[in-house]
């Protein structure tokens, strides 16, 4: 495996250092972070095994939570 030297700001270095796990290299940290962010097309078909009833229940719960969140707090 080849290597490249890159320059990062002190802020970026400290941010990477904070989330670096024991035994993990900075390359490992960067790869872990990059792999987390998937594209929208990676999600296509992800719910293929969920039936219509489960989807409707899920959407009802989302709507209920949204309405509850939008209601002004009572004093």
PDB file of N, CA and C in Angstrom:
ATOM      1  N   UNK A   1       0.850  -1.172   0.000  1.00  0.00           N
ATOM      2  CA  UNK A   1       0.000   0.000   0.000  1.00  0.00           C
ATOM      3  C   UNK A   1       0.896   1.236   0.000  1.00  0.00           C
ATOM      4  N   UNK A   2       0.627   2.151  -0.916  1.00  0.00           N
ATOM      5  CA  UNK A   2       1.392   3.385  -0.987  1.00  0.00           C
ATOM      6  C   UNK A   2       0.928   4.377   0.068  1.00  0.00           C
ATOM      7  N   UNK A   3       1.689   5.408   0.253  1.00  0.00           N
ATOM      8  CA  UNK A   3       1.327   6.452   1.212  1.00  0.00           C
ATOM      9  C   UNK A   3       1.458   7.811   0.548  1.00  0.00           C
ATOM     10  N   UNK A   4       0.677   8.752   1.026  1.00  0.00           N
ATOM     11  CA  UNK A   4       0.735  10.149   0.596  1.00  0.00           C
ATOM     12  C   UNK A   4       0.765  11.010   1.838  1.00  0.00           C
ATOM     13  N   UNK A   5       1.460  12.096   1.768  1.00  0.00           N
ATOM     14  CA  UNK A   5       1.486  13.052   2.866  1.00  0.00           C
ATOM     15  C   UNK A   5       0.482  14.144   2.545  1.00  0.00           C
ATOM     16  N   UNK A   6      -0.373  14.465   3.529  1.00  0.00           N
ATOM     17  CA  UNK A   6      -1.351  15.531   3.335  1.00  0.00           C
ATOM     18  C   UNK A   6      -1.184  16.551   4.455  1.00  0.00           C
ATOM     19  N   UNK A   7      -1.655  17.737   4.219  1.00  0.00           N
ATOM     20  CA  UNK A   7      -1.619  18.786   5.223  1.00  0.00           C
ATOM     21  C   UNK A   7      -3.046  19.046   5.676  1.00  0.00           C
ATOM     22  N   UNK A   8      -3.241  19.087   6.983  1.00  0.00           N
ATOM     23  CA  UNK A   8      -4.554  19.424   7.540  1.00  0.00           C
ATOM     24  C   UNK A   8      -4.349  20.543   8.554  1.00  0.00           C
ATOM     25  N   UNK A   9      -5.385  21.299   8.780  1.00  0.00           N
ATOM     26  CA  UNK A   9      -5.298  22.370   9.771  1.00  0.00           C
ATOM     27  C   UNK A   9      -5.192  21.755  11.163  1.00  0.00           C
ATOM     28  N   UNK A  10      -4.755  22.547  12.108  1.00  0.00           N
ATOM     29  CA  UNK A  10      -4.671  22.094  13.492  1.00  0.00           C
ATOM     30  C   UNK A  10      -6.060  21.703  13.997  1.00  0.00           C
ATOM     31  N   UNK A  11      -7.068  22.471  13.591  1.00  0.00           N
ATOM     32  CA  UNK A  11      -8.450  22.167  13.982  1.00  0.00           C
ATOM     33  C   UNK A  11      -8.878  20.787  13.465  1.00  0.00           C
ATOM     34  N   UNK A  12      -8.554  20.490  12.203  1.00  0.00           N
ATOM     35  CA  UNK A  12      -8.908  19.193  11.621  1.00  0.00           C
ATOM     36  C   UNK A  12      -8.155  18.066  12.323  1.00  0.00           C
ATOM     37  N   UNK A  13      -6.879  18.278  12.598  1.00  0.00           N
ATOM     38  CA  UNK A  13      -6.071  17.274  13.294  1.00  0.00           C
ATOM     39  C   UNK A  13      -6.659  16.969  14.669  1.00  0.00           C
ATOM     40  N   UNK A  14      -7.013  18.021  15.405  1.00  0.00           N
ATOM     41  CA  UNK A  14      -7.565  17.829  16.754  1.00  0.00           C
ATOM     42  C   UNK A  14      -8.921  17.138  16.702  1.00  0.00           C
ATOM     43  N   UNK A  15      -9.723  17.440  15.675  1.00  0.00           N
ATOM     44  CA  UNK A  15     -11.019  16.781  15.521  1.00  0.00           C
ATOM     45  C   UNK A  15     -10.824  15.289  15.254  1.00  0.00           C
ATOM     46  N   UNK A  16      -9.873  14.955  14.384  1.00  0.00           N
ATOM     47  CA  UNK A  16      -9.581  13.548  14.105  1.00  0.00           C
ATOM     48  C   UNK A  16      -9.041  12.851  15.348  1.00  0.00           C
ATOM     49  N   UNK A  17      -8.188  13.544  16.069  1.00  0.00           N
ATOM     50  CA  UNK A  17      -7.597  12.977  17.282  1.00  0.00           C
ATOM     51  C   UNK A  17      -8.667  12.653  18.326  1.00  0.00           C
ATOM     52  N   UNK A  18      -9.694  13.526  18.418  1.00  0.00           N
ATOM     53  CA  UNK A  18     -10.771  13.302  19.397  1.00  0.00           C
ATOM     54  C   UNK A  18     -11.581  12.047  19.101  1.00  0.00           C
ATOM     55  N   UNK A  19     -11.752  11.728  17.819  1.00  0.00           N
ATOM     56  CA  UNK A  19     -12.596  10.579  17.485  1.00  0.00           C
ATOM     57  C   UNK A  19     -11.791   9.328  17.152  1.00  0.00           C
ATOM     58  N   UNK A  20     -10.487   9.442  17.219  1.00  0.00           N
ATOM     59  CA  UNK A  20      -9.598   8.308  16.938  1.00  0.00           C
ATOM     60  C   UNK A  20      -9.750   7.272  18.047  1.00  0.00           C
ATOM     61  N   UNK A  21      -9.947   6.041  17.642  1.00  0.00           N
ATOM     62  CA  UNK A  21     -10.113   4.942  18.595  1.00  0.00           C
ATOM     63  C   UNK A  21      -8.762   4.320  18.918  1.00  0.00           C
ATOM     64  N   UNK A  22      -8.663   3.658  20.068  1.00  0.00           N
ATOM     65  CA  UNK A  22      -7.389   3.007  20.412  1.00  0.00           C
ATOM     66  C   UNK A  22      -6.957   2.020  19.323  1.00  0.00           C
ATOM     67  N   UNK A  23      -5.711   2.098  18.936  1.00  0.00           N
ATOM     68  CA  UNK A  23      -5.172   1.202  17.927  1.00  0.00           C
ATOM     69  C   UNK A  23      -5.505   1.588  16.492  1.00  0.00           C
ATOM     70  N   UNK A  24      -6.210   2.684  16.320  1.00  0.00           N
ATOM     71  CA  UNK A  24      -6.636   3.120  15.006  1.00  0.00           C
ATOM     72  C   UNK A  24      -5.657   4.167  14.470  1.00  0.00           C
ATOM     73  N   UNK A  25      -5.301   4.056  13.210  1.00  0.00           N
ATOM     74  CA  UNK A  25      -4.444   5.062  12.584  1.00  0.00           C
ATOM     75  C   UNK A  25      -5.315   6.214  12.085  1.00  0.00           C
ATOM     76  N   UNK A  26      -4.690   7.329  11.733  1.00  0.00           N
ATOM     77  CA  UNK A  26      -5.451   8.437  11.168  1.00  0.00           C
ATOM     78  C   UNK A  26      -6.074   8.026   9.836  1.00  0.00           C
ATOM     79  N   UNK A  27      -5.389   7.200   9.076  1.00  0.00           N
ATOM     80  CA  UNK A  27      -5.964   6.682   7.830  1.00  0.00           C
ATOM     81  C   UNK A  27      -7.234   5.891   8.122  1.00  0.00           C
ATOM     82  N   UNK A  28      -7.204   5.076   9.182  1.00  0.00           N
ATOM     83  CA  UNK A  28      -8.386   4.308   9.575  1.00  0.00           C
ATOM     84  C   UNK A  28      -9.549   5.237   9.924  1.00  0.00           C
ATOM     85  N   UNK A  29      -9.245   6.312  10.670  1.00  0.00           N
ATOM     86  CA  UNK A  29     -10.285   7.267  11.067  1.00  0.00           C
ATOM     87  C   UNK A  29     -10.917   7.893   9.829  1.00  0.00           C
ATOM     88  N   UNK A  30     -10.081   8.360   8.916  1.00  0.00           N
ATOM     89  CA  UNK A  30     -10.579   9.009   7.707  1.00  0.00           C
ATOM     90  C   UNK A  30     -11.430   8.043   6.888  1.00  0.00           C
ATOM     91  N   UNK A  31     -10.968   6.826   6.717  1.00  0.00           N
ATOM     92  CA  UNK A  31     -11.735   5.841   5.943  1.00  0.00           C
ATOM     93  C   UNK A  31     -13.062   5.514   6.622  1.00  0.00           C
ATOM     94  N   UNK A  32     -13.052   5.410   7.948  1.00  0.00           N
ATOM     95  CA  UNK A  32     -14.283   5.139   8.684  1.00  0.00           C
ATOM     96  C   UNK A  32     -15.285   6.267   8.466  1.00  0.00           C
ATOM     97  N   UNK A  33     -14.822   7.494   8.508  1.00  0.00           N
ATOM     98  CA  UNK A  33     -15.714   8.629   8.324  1.00  0.00           C
ATOM     99  C   UNK A  33     -16.232   8.717   6.890  1.00  0.00           C
ATOM    100  N   UNK A  34     -15.391   8.459   5.941  1.00  0.00           N
ATOM    101  CA  UNK A  34     -15.792   8.526   4.535  1.00  0.00           C
ATOM    102  C   UNK A  34     -16.794   7.430   4.208  1.00  0.00           C
ATOM    103  N   UNK A  35     -16.616   6.259   4.754  1.00  0.00           N
ATOM    104  CA  UNK A  35     -17.528   5.145   4.460  1.00  0.00           C
ATOM    105  C   UNK A  35     -18.898   5.359   5.082  1.00  0.00           C
ATOM    106  N   UNK A  36     -18.992   6.150   6.158  1.00  0.00           N
ATOM    107  CA  UNK A  36     -20.267   6.423   6.809  1.00  0.00           C
ATOM    108  C   UNK A  36     -21.210   7.173   5.889  1.00  0.00           C
ATOM    109  N   UNK A  37     -20.692   8.068   5.083  1.00  0.00           N
ATOM    110  CA  UNK A  37     -21.511   8.940   4.266  1.00  0.00           C
ATOM    111  C   UNK A  37     -21.785   8.271   2.931  1.00  0.00           C
ATOM    112  N   UNK A  38     -22.948   7.672   2.860  1.00  0.00           N
ATOM    113  CA  UNK A  38     -23.326   6.964   1.640  1.00  0.00           C
ATOM    114  C   UNK A  38     -24.136   7.882   0.747  1.00  0.00           C
ATOM    115  N   UNK A  39     -24.175   7.564  -0.501  1.00  0.00           N
ATOM    116  CA  UNK A  39     -24.970   8.329  -1.447  1.00  0.00           C
ATOM    117  C   UNK A  39     -26.432   7.932  -1.368  1.00  0.00           C
ATOM    118  N   UNK A  40     -27.292   8.763  -1.893  1.00  0.00           N
ATOM    119  CA  UNK A  40     -28.726   8.506  -1.877  1.00  0.00           C
ATOM    120  C   UNK A  40     -29.079   7.204  -2.594  1.00  0.00           C
ATOM    121  N   UNK A  41     -28.395   6.912  -3.669  1.00  0.00           N
ATOM    122  CA  UNK A  41     -28.693   5.692  -4.427  1.00  0.00           C
ATOM    123  C   UNK A  41     -28.359   4.421  -3.627  1.00  0.00           C
ATOM    124  N   UNK A  42     -27.487   4.514  -2.639  1.00  0.00           N
ATOM    125  CA  UNK A  42     -27.187   3.356  -1.796  1.00  0.00           C
ATOM    126  C   UNK A  42     -28.396   2.941  -0.968  1.00  0.00           C
ATOM    127  N   UNK A  43     -29.347   3.854  -0.812  1.00  0.00           N
ATOM    128  CA  UNK A  43     -30.536   3.565  -0.011  1.00  0.00           C
ATOM    129  C   UNK A  43     -31.680   2.987  -0.836  1.00  0.00           C
ATOM    130  N   UNK A  44     -31.556   3.015  -2.150  1.00  0.00           N
ATOM    131  CA  UNK A  44     -32.614   2.498  -3.020  1.00  0.00           C
ATOM    132  C   UNK A  44     -32.881   1.029  -2.710  1.00  0.00           C
ATOM    133  N   UNK A  45     -34.135   0.702  -2.437  1.00  0.00           N
ATOM    134  CA  UNK A  45     -34.526  -0.676  -2.174  1.00  0.00           C
ATOM    135  C   UNK A  45     -34.270  -1.157  -0.762  1.00  0.00           C
ATOM    136  N   UNK A  46     -33.810  -0.275   0.111  1.00  0.00           N
ATOM    137  CA  UNK A  46     -33.430  -0.706   1.461  1.00  0.00           C
ATOM    138  C   UNK A  46     -34.644  -1.225   2.252  1.00  0.00           C
ATOM    139  N   UNK A  47     -35.849  -0.762   1.916  1.00  0.00           N
ATOM    140  CA  UNK A  47     -37.054  -1.199   2.615  1.00  0.00           C
ATOM    141  C   UNK A  47     -37.826  -2.237   1.809  1.00  0.00           C
ATOM    142  N   UNK A  48     -37.183  -2.967   0.953  1.00  0.00           N
ATOM    143  CA  UNK A  48     -37.877  -3.902   0.064  1.00  0.00           C
ATOM    144  C   UNK A  48     -38.649  -4.992   0.806  1.00  0.00           C
ATOM    145  N   UNK A  49     -38.257  -5.318   2.026  1.00  0.00           N
ATOM    146  CA  UNK A  49     -38.913  -6.403   2.759  1.00  0.00           C
ATOM    147  C   UNK A  49     -39.926  -5.911   3.794  1.00  0.00           C
ATOM    148  N   UNK A  50     -40.285  -4.640   3.746  1.00  0.00           N
ATOM    149  CA  UNK A  50     -41.254  -4.083   4.689  1.00  0.00           C
ATOM    150  C   UNK A  50     -42.604  -3.985   3.984  1.00  0.00           C
ATOM    151  N   UNK A  51     -43.636  -4.528   4.646  1.00  0.00           N
ATOM    152  CA  UNK A  51     -44.950  -4.544   4.001  1.00  0.00           C
ATOM    153  C   UNK A  51     -45.676  -3.209   4.172  1.00  0.00           C
ATOM    154  N   UNK A  52     -46.783  -3.055   3.445  1.00  0.00           N
ATOM    155  CA  UNK A  52     -47.521  -1.793   3.431  1.00  0.00           C
ATOM    156  C   UNK A  52     -48.041  -1.406   4.810  1.00  0.00           C
ATOM    157  N   UNK A  53     -48.467  -2.375   5.603  1.00  0.00           N
ATOM    158  CA  UNK A  53     -48.976  -2.093   6.943  1.00  0.00           C
ATOM    159  C   UNK A  53     -47.884  -1.506   7.823  1.00  0.00           C
ATOM    160  N   UNK A  54     -46.698  -2.082   7.774  1.00  0.00           N
ATOM    161  CA  UNK A  54     -45.573  -1.565   8.566  1.00  0.00           C
ATOM    162  C   UNK A  54     -45.193  -0.151   8.130  1.00  0.00           C
ATOM    163  N   UNK A  55     -45.229   0.096   6.838  1.00  0.00           N
ATOM    164  CA  UNK A  55     -44.911   1.433   6.327  1.00  0.00           C
ATOM    165  C   UNK A  55     -45.951   2.436   6.811  1.00  0.00           C
ATOM    166  N   UNK A  56     -47.224   2.074   6.728  1.00  0.00           N
ATOM    167  CA  UNK A  56     -48.278   2.988   7.163  1.00  0.00           C
ATOM    168  C   UNK A  56     -48.183   3.260   8.661  1.00  0.00           C
ATOM    169  N   UNK A  57     -47.887   2.239   9.469  1.00  0.00           N
ATOM    170  CA  UNK A  57     -47.707   2.430  10.914  1.00  0.00           C
ATOM    171  C   UNK A  57     -46.543   3.380  11.187  1.00  0.00           C
ATOM    172  N   UNK A  58     -45.470   3.203  10.452  1.00  0.00           N
ATOM    173  CA  UNK A  58     -44.297   4.056  10.599  1.00  0.00           C
ATOM    174  C   UNK A  58     -44.641   5.505  10.257  1.00  0.00           C
ATOM    175  N   UNK A  59     -45.345   5.696   9.137  1.00  0.00           N
ATOM    176  CA  UNK A  59     -45.708   7.041   8.715  1.00  0.00           C
ATOM    177  C   UNK A  59     -46.685   7.697   9.695  1.00  0.00           C
ATOM    178  N   UNK A  60     -47.627   6.926  10.246  1.00  0.00           N
ATOM    179  CA  UNK A  60     -48.543   7.466  11.251  1.00  0.00           C
ATOM    180  C   UNK A  60     -47.774   7.962  12.468  1.00  0.00           C
ATOM    181  N   UNK A  61     -46.795   7.200  12.907  1.00  0.00           N
ATOM    182  CA  UNK A  61     -45.989   7.594  14.068  1.00  0.00           C
ATOM    183  C   UNK A  61     -45.186   8.857  13.769  1.00  0.00           C
ATOM    184  N   UNK A  62     -44.663   8.962  12.577  1.00  0.00           N
ATOM    185  CA  UNK A  62     -43.911  10.166  12.178  1.00  0.00           C
ATOM    186  C   UNK A  62     -44.846  11.380  12.186  1.00  0.00           C
ATOM    187  N   UNK A  63     -46.040  11.212  11.618  1.00  0.00           N
ATOM    188  CA  UNK A  63     -47.002  12.320  11.585  1.00  0.00           C
ATOM    189  C   UNK A  63     -47.397  12.733  12.999  1.00  0.00           C
ATOM    190  N   UNK A  64     -47.637  11.749  13.872  1.00  0.00           N
ATOM    191  CA  UNK A  64     -48.005  12.055  15.256  1.00  0.00           C
ATOM    192  C   UNK A  64     -46.886  12.828  15.947  1.00  0.00           C
ATOM    193  N   UNK A  65     -45.659  12.355  15.794  1.00  0.00           N
ATOM    194  CA  UNK A  65     -44.516  13.012  16.427  1.00  0.00           C
ATOM    195  C   UNK A  65     -44.326  14.420  15.870  1.00  0.00           C
ATOM    196  N   UNK A  66     -44.545  14.589  14.566  1.00  0.00           N
ATOM    197  CA  UNK A  66     -44.390  15.906  13.946  1.00  0.00           C
ATOM    198  C   UNK A  66     -45.421  16.888  14.510  1.00  0.00           C
ATOM    199  N   UNK A  67     -46.675  16.430  14.620  1.00  0.00           N
ATOM    200  CA  UNK A  67     -47.720  17.301  15.173  1.00  0.00           C
ATOM    201  C   UNK A  67     -47.398  17.669  16.617  1.00  0.00           C
ATOM    202  N   UNK A  68     -46.958  16.704  17.395  1.00  0.00           N
ATOM    203  CA  UNK A  68     -46.609  16.953  18.792  1.00  0.00           C
ATOM    204  C   UNK A  68     -45.466  17.954  18.899  1.00  0.00           C
ATOM    205  N   UNK A  69     -44.502  17.829  18.034  1.00  0.00           N
ATOM    206  CA  UNK A  69     -43.342  18.720  18.051  1.00  0.00           C
ATOM    207  C   UNK A  69     -43.728  20.143  17.677  1.00  0.00           C
ATOM    208  N   UNK A  70     -44.670  20.263  16.726  1.00  0.00           N
ATOM    209  CA  UNK A  70     -45.074  21.591  16.244  1.00  0.00           C
ATOM    210  C   UNK A  70     -45.993  22.316  17.202  1.00  0.00           C
ATOM    211  N   UNK A  71     -46.647  21.621  18.132  1.00  0.00           N
ATOM    212  CA  UNK A  71     -47.556  22.267  19.064  1.00  0.00           C
ATOM    213  C   UNK A  71     -46.766  23.189  20.002  1.00  0.00           C
ATOM    214  N   UNK A  72     -47.279  24.385  20.256  1.00  0.00           N
ATOM    215  CA  UNK A  72     -46.585  25.277  21.184  1.00  0.00           C
ATOM    216  C   UNK A  72     -46.649  24.710  22.604  1.00  0.00           C
ATOM    217  N   UNK A  73     -45.618  24.961  23.370  1.00  0.00           N
ATOM    218  CA  UNK A  73     -45.578  24.478  24.747  1.00  0.00           C
ATOM    219  C   UNK A  73     -46.627  25.206  25.572  1.00  0.00           C
ATOM    220  N   UNK A  74     -47.329  24.439  26.403  1.00  0.00           N
ATOM    221  CA  UNK A  74     -48.335  25.023  27.285  1.00  0.00           C
ATOM    222  C   UNK A  74     -47.657  25.473  28.563  1.00  0.00           C
ATOM    223  N   UNK A  75     -48.069  26.650  29.042  1.00  0.00           N
ATOM    224  CA  UNK A  75     -47.469  27.187  30.270  1.00  0.00           C
ATOM    225  C   UNK A  75     -48.276  26.820  31.480  1.00  0.00           C
TER     226      UNK A  75
END
